[in-house]
Amino acid sequence: MSGKQSGKDGTVEDRTPRTPHQLRGASFQAGRPVVPFLPHASTGVNQLKLLTLQVEDKLRVDAPEAYVVTVTGADAGAGKSLTAITLGILLAKKGERRVLIIEGDVWRPSFRKVLQVDPTMPDLIDLLSEGSTMTPEQATISVWAAGIDVISIRDDHEQPDILISERFDQLLAHVRSKYDVVILDSPPAYLSEGRMLVKKADSALVVARAGRTKRSQIEELLSEIPQERCLGLVLNDARLESRQQKKYTAYYRSYYRR
């Protein structure tokens, strides 16, 4: 079954894919995996480990600066923030990498709630506000249990222009010199700020939610990212039949052991 089907009047309906199979034929670049991030936590994390390999392949021990990944989505509520956090934790644990995650979704900040950090800590907006004398280290929260550092956003701050400012570019240059991997949690890509964060990164990871994100939204976003800069597509809450799940599990095991 494809992601698009003809309606009764002959027009093409824009369906919301629920399985990786329903994305078959989409304008997705060959060689980049469609990863079904299942609602079962252990299985989903195992599948997401595939993407850590995509990043690891691009890292060099002697690299002069961090590798930057933007986690983006075609629509709100796709689960990109949780995907960004999970990817960061897996990268930090796998190779003892220094990993920083910068929360960039100023409209729907969630890091502080998810990671249960001090809500009074300075945030990204405090750091980048005009006239601020704060250093990046003062706005950085170390989540020791997860092995990652985070620069988050408080719920009461909403200044999207910060993301396209010269001060944000200066921050990105600074943290590139301090970390091995920097992950940018982007606003949805239909916003200009979201598209700009994709351009600022070395690569992008696209996140969609099964049964919610439309196929046309996925295709449009993927078409805007050059093949060599697209890590893959995470399909959150994907549905797999038992046979498909076994297939993906076997693929994951063989790939991860290389």
Protein backbone atom coordinates (compact mmCIF):
# COMPACT_ATOMS: atom_id res chain seq x y z
CA MET A 1 0.00 0.00 0.00
CA SER A 2 1.39 3.39 -0.91
CA GLY A 3 1.12 6.52 1.16
CA LYS A 4 -1.23 8.07 -1.42
CA GLN A 5 -4.45 6.53 -2.75
CA SER A 6 -7.15 7.67 -5.13
CA GLY A 7 -10.41 8.82 -3.56
CA LYS A 8 -13.87 8.07 -4.87
CA ASP A 9 -13.81 11.14 -7.11
CA GLY A 10 -10.49 10.14 -8.64
CA THR A 11 -8.42 12.71 -6.75
CA VAL A 12 -5.28 11.65 -4.90
CA GLU A 13 -5.64 11.57 -1.14
CA ASP A 14 -2.72 12.62 1.01
CA ARG A 15 -2.40 9.72 3.45
CA THR A 16 -0.55 9.57 6.76
CA PRO A 17 1.89 6.63 6.62
CA ARG A 18 1.70 4.23 9.56
CA THR A 19 4.45 1.83 8.52
CA PRO A 20 7.81 2.12 6.73
CA HIS A 21 6.28 0.05 3.90
CA GLN A 22 3.78 2.83 3.21
CA LEU A 23 6.67 5.21 2.51
CA ARG A 24 7.81 3.04 -0.38
CA GLY A 25 8.28 5.15 -3.47
CA ALA A 26 8.60 8.39 -1.56
CA SER A 27 11.28 10.78 -2.72
CA PHE A 28 13.68 9.43 -0.11
CA GLN A 29 17.33 9.12 -1.00
CA ALA A 30 18.73 5.66 -1.48
CA GLY A 31 21.07 4.51 1.24
CA ARG A 32 19.38 6.41 4.07
CA PRO A 33 17.31 4.25 6.43
CA VAL A 34 13.68 4.71 7.34
CA VAL A 35 13.83 3.79 11.02
CA PRO A 36 10.58 2.68 12.67
CA PHE A 37 10.74 4.06 16.21
CA LEU A 38 8.18 1.78 17.82
CA PRO A 39 6.02 2.61 20.83
CA HIS A 40 7.83 -0.13 22.79
CA ALA A 41 10.77 1.65 24.43
CA SER A 42 13.41 -1.09 24.23
CA THR A 43 12.69 -1.91 20.59
CA GLY A 44 12.57 1.74 19.59
CA VAL A 45 15.92 2.53 21.17
CA ASN A 46 17.49 -0.45 19.44
CA GLN A 47 16.23 0.80 16.09
CA LEU A 48 17.48 4.33 16.80
CA LYS A 49 20.96 2.92 17.40
CA LEU A 50 21.14 2.48 13.64
CA LEU A 51 21.31 6.23 13.34
CA THR A 52 24.17 6.52 15.82
CA LEU A 53 26.19 4.56 13.30
CA GLN A 54 25.36 7.10 10.62
CA VAL A 55 26.84 9.79 12.85
CA GLU A 56 29.77 7.67 14.04
CA ASP A 57 30.75 7.04 10.42
CA LYS A 58 31.16 10.77 9.96
CA LEU A 59 33.23 11.37 13.10
CA ARG A 60 37.02 11.34 13.12
CA VAL A 61 39.18 11.04 16.19
CA ASP A 62 41.30 13.97 15.05
CA ALA A 63 38.36 16.14 13.92
CA PRO A 64 39.09 19.81 14.74
CA GLU A 65 35.47 20.59 15.61
CA ALA A 66 32.16 18.98 16.51
CA TYR A 67 29.83 17.31 14.04
CA VAL A 68 26.47 19.12 14.09
CA VAL A 69 23.16 17.32 13.52
CA THR A 70 19.79 19.08 13.28
CA VAL A 71 16.78 16.99 14.27
CA THR A 72 13.83 18.35 12.34
CA GLY A 73 10.24 17.44 11.52
CA ALA A 74 7.65 18.40 8.95
CA ASP A 75 5.01 19.12 11.58
CA ALA A 76 4.62 19.82 15.29
CA GLY A 77 4.19 16.87 17.62
CA ALA A 78 6.27 14.44 15.56
CA GLY A 79 8.48 13.65 18.56
CA LYS A 80 11.69 15.32 17.45
CA SER A 81 12.70 16.60 20.90
CA LEU A 82 12.57 13.15 22.47
CA THR A 83 14.34 11.73 19.42
CA ALA A 84 17.10 14.36 19.77
CA ILE A 85 17.58 13.56 23.45
CA THR A 86 17.62 9.79 22.85
CA LEU A 87 20.10 10.11 20.00
CA GLY A 88 22.36 12.29 22.16
CA ILE A 89 22.31 9.80 25.05
CA LEU A 90 23.09 6.87 22.75
CA LEU A 91 26.01 8.72 21.14
CA ALA A 92 27.42 9.74 24.52
CA LYS A 93 27.24 6.19 25.87
CA LYS A 94 28.50 4.42 22.78
CA GLY A 95 31.81 6.15 22.31
CA GLU A 96 32.24 8.33 25.40
CA ARG A 97 31.65 11.30 23.16
CA ARG A 98 31.19 14.82 24.46
CA VAL A 99 27.63 15.56 23.35
CA LEU A 100 25.71 18.83 23.61
CA ILE A 101 22.03 19.19 22.73
CA ILE A 102 20.68 22.69 22.08
CA GLU A 103 16.93 23.08 22.35
CA GLY A 104 15.79 25.29 19.50
CA ASP A 105 12.03 24.79 19.47
CA VAL A 106 11.15 28.07 21.17
CA TRP A 107 7.42 27.52 20.62
CA ARG A 108 7.21 24.17 22.38
CA PRO A 109 10.15 23.77 24.79
CA SER A 110 10.13 20.46 26.64
CA PHE A 111 13.69 19.63 27.68
CA ARG A 112 13.40 20.86 31.25
CA LYS A 113 10.32 18.77 31.90
CA VAL A 114 11.65 15.65 30.19
CA LEU A 115 15.08 15.81 31.84
CA GLN A 116 13.75 17.15 35.16
CA VAL A 117 16.32 19.91 35.45
CA ASP A 118 16.27 23.07 37.56
CA PRO A 119 13.61 25.37 36.04
CA THR A 120 15.44 28.48 37.32
CA MET A 121 18.65 27.81 35.37
CA PRO A 122 19.57 30.37 32.68
CA ASP A 123 18.45 29.33 29.23
CA LEU A 124 19.29 29.87 25.56
CA ILE A 125 17.36 33.15 25.42
CA ASP A 126 19.15 34.52 28.49
CA LEU A 127 22.46 33.57 26.91
CA LEU A 128 21.82 35.17 23.52
CA SER A 129 19.82 38.24 24.58
CA GLU A 130 21.20 41.61 23.56
CA GLY A 131 23.70 42.86 26.13
CA SER A 132 24.09 39.51 27.87
CA THR A 133 27.50 38.88 29.45
CA MET A 134 26.71 35.24 30.18
CA THR A 135 29.04 32.52 28.93
CA PRO A 136 27.73 29.36 27.23
CA GLU A 137 28.96 27.33 30.18
CA GLN A 138 26.66 29.27 32.52
CA ALA A 139 23.62 28.27 30.47
CA THR A 140 24.71 24.64 30.07
CA ILE A 141 23.09 21.93 32.16
CA SER A 142 25.07 18.73 32.66
CA VAL A 143 22.76 15.73 32.87
CA TRP A 144 25.22 13.37 34.51
CA ALA A 145 22.98 10.30 34.49
CA ALA A 146 22.55 10.60 30.73
CA GLY A 147 26.10 11.70 29.95
CA ILE A 148 25.00 14.74 27.95
CA ASP A 149 25.08 18.52 28.25
CA VAL A 150 22.01 20.58 27.39
CA ILE A 151 21.21 24.20 26.67
CA SER A 152 17.46 24.44 27.06
CA ILE A 153 14.65 26.99 26.87
CA ARG A 154 12.25 28.02 29.61
CA ASP A 155 8.52 27.90 28.98
CA ASP A 156 8.14 31.67 29.41
CA HIS A 157 10.64 32.59 26.68
CA GLU A 158 9.62 32.90 23.03
CA GLN A 159 12.09 34.76 20.80
CA PRO A 160 12.40 32.83 17.53
CA ASP A 161 14.58 35.49 15.91
CA ILE A 162 17.34 34.43 18.31
CA LEU A 163 17.88 31.31 16.19
CA ILE A 164 18.79 33.30 13.08
CA SER A 165 20.91 35.88 14.89
CA GLU A 166 24.65 36.42 14.67
CA ARG A 167 24.84 35.60 18.38
CA PHE A 168 23.48 32.10 17.73
CA ASP A 169 26.11 31.59 15.01
CA GLN A 170 28.80 32.66 17.48
CA LEU A 171 27.45 30.20 20.05
CA LEU A 172 27.49 27.38 17.49
CA ALA A 173 31.11 28.19 16.56
CA HIS A 174 32.05 28.15 20.26
CA VAL A 175 30.45 24.80 21.08
CA ARG A 176 31.86 23.22 17.92
CA SER A 177 35.29 23.67 19.48
CA LYS A 178 34.25 22.14 22.81
CA TYR A 179 32.27 19.02 21.87
CA ASP A 180 32.44 15.99 19.60
CA VAL A 181 28.76 16.11 18.61
CA VAL A 182 26.25 18.98 18.79
CA ILE A 183 22.56 18.19 18.25
CA LEU A 184 20.14 20.99 17.40
CA ASP A 185 16.49 20.35 18.27
CA SER A 186 14.80 22.39 15.57
CA PRO A 187 11.38 24.00 15.32
CA PRO A 188 9.15 22.33 12.69
CA ALA A 189 10.55 22.77 9.20
CA TYR A 190 7.51 24.67 7.93
CA LEU A 191 8.85 27.61 9.96
CA SER A 192 11.74 29.63 8.51
CA GLU A 193 13.73 29.22 11.72
CA GLY A 194 13.47 25.45 11.38
CA ARG A 195 14.80 25.50 7.85
CA MET A 196 17.65 27.78 8.88
CA LEU A 197 18.80 25.35 11.59
CA VAL A 198 18.91 22.57 8.99
CA LYS A 199 21.23 24.72 6.87
CA LYS A 200 23.51 25.48 9.83
CA ALA A 201 24.18 21.77 10.51
CA ASP A 202 26.43 19.22 8.86
CA SER A 203 23.51 16.83 8.50
CA ALA A 204 19.82 16.50 9.32
CA LEU A 205 17.61 13.80 10.77
CA VAL A 206 13.94 13.94 9.79
CA VAL A 207 11.27 12.87 12.28
CA ALA A 208 7.64 12.04 11.45
CA ARG A 209 4.81 10.50 13.45
CA ALA A 210 2.98 7.52 12.02
CA GLY A 211 -0.69 8.19 11.42
CA ARG A 212 -0.25 11.94 11.82
CA THR A 213 2.43 13.37 9.52
CA LYS A 214 1.24 13.47 5.91
CA ARG A 215 3.27 11.79 3.20
CA SER A 216 3.38 15.03 1.20
CA GLN A 217 4.92 16.83 4.20
CA ILE A 218 7.60 14.16 4.50
CA GLU A 219 8.38 14.24 0.79
CA GLU A 220 8.59 18.03 0.67
CA LEU A 221 10.99 18.18 3.59
CA LEU A 222 13.18 15.37 2.29
CA SER A 223 13.40 17.02 -1.12
CA GLU A 224 14.93 20.12 0.49
CA ILE A 225 17.78 18.23 2.18
CA PRO A 226 20.74 17.20 -0.02
CA GLN A 227 21.26 13.44 -0.10
CA GLU A 228 24.72 13.59 1.43
CA ARG A 229 23.41 15.58 4.42
CA CYS A 230 20.36 13.46 5.25
CA LEU A 231 20.96 10.87 8.00
CA GLY A 232 17.58 9.20 7.71
CA LEU A 233 13.94 9.33 8.68
CA VAL A 234 12.58 8.32 12.09
CA LEU A 235 8.94 7.21 11.93
CA ASN A 236 7.69 7.48 15.51
CA ASP A 237 4.91 5.14 16.69
CA ALA A 238 5.32 3.00 13.59
CA ARG A 239 3.27 -0.17 13.29
CA LEU A 240 4.99 -3.36 12.24
CA GLU A 241 3.56 -6.80 11.78
CA SER A 242 5.46 -9.53 13.64
CA ARG A 243 7.20 -10.61 10.43
CA GLN A 244 8.27 -7.04 9.65
CA GLN A 245 9.48 -6.51 13.21
CA LYS A 246 11.66 -9.61 13.00
CA LYS A 247 13.05 -8.36 9.69
CA TYR A 248 13.99 -4.96 11.14
CA THR A 249 15.44 -6.52 14.28
CA ALA A 250 17.62 -8.87 12.23
CA TYR A 251 18.73 -5.97 10.01
CA TYR A 252 19.58 -3.89 13.05
CA ARG A 253 21.66 -6.68 14.64
CA SER A 254 23.64 -7.38 11.48
CA TYR A 255 24.24 -3.68 10.79
CA TYR A 256 25.21 -2.78 14.34
CA ARG A 257 27.76 -5.60 14.59
CA ARG A 258 29.74 -4.43 11.57
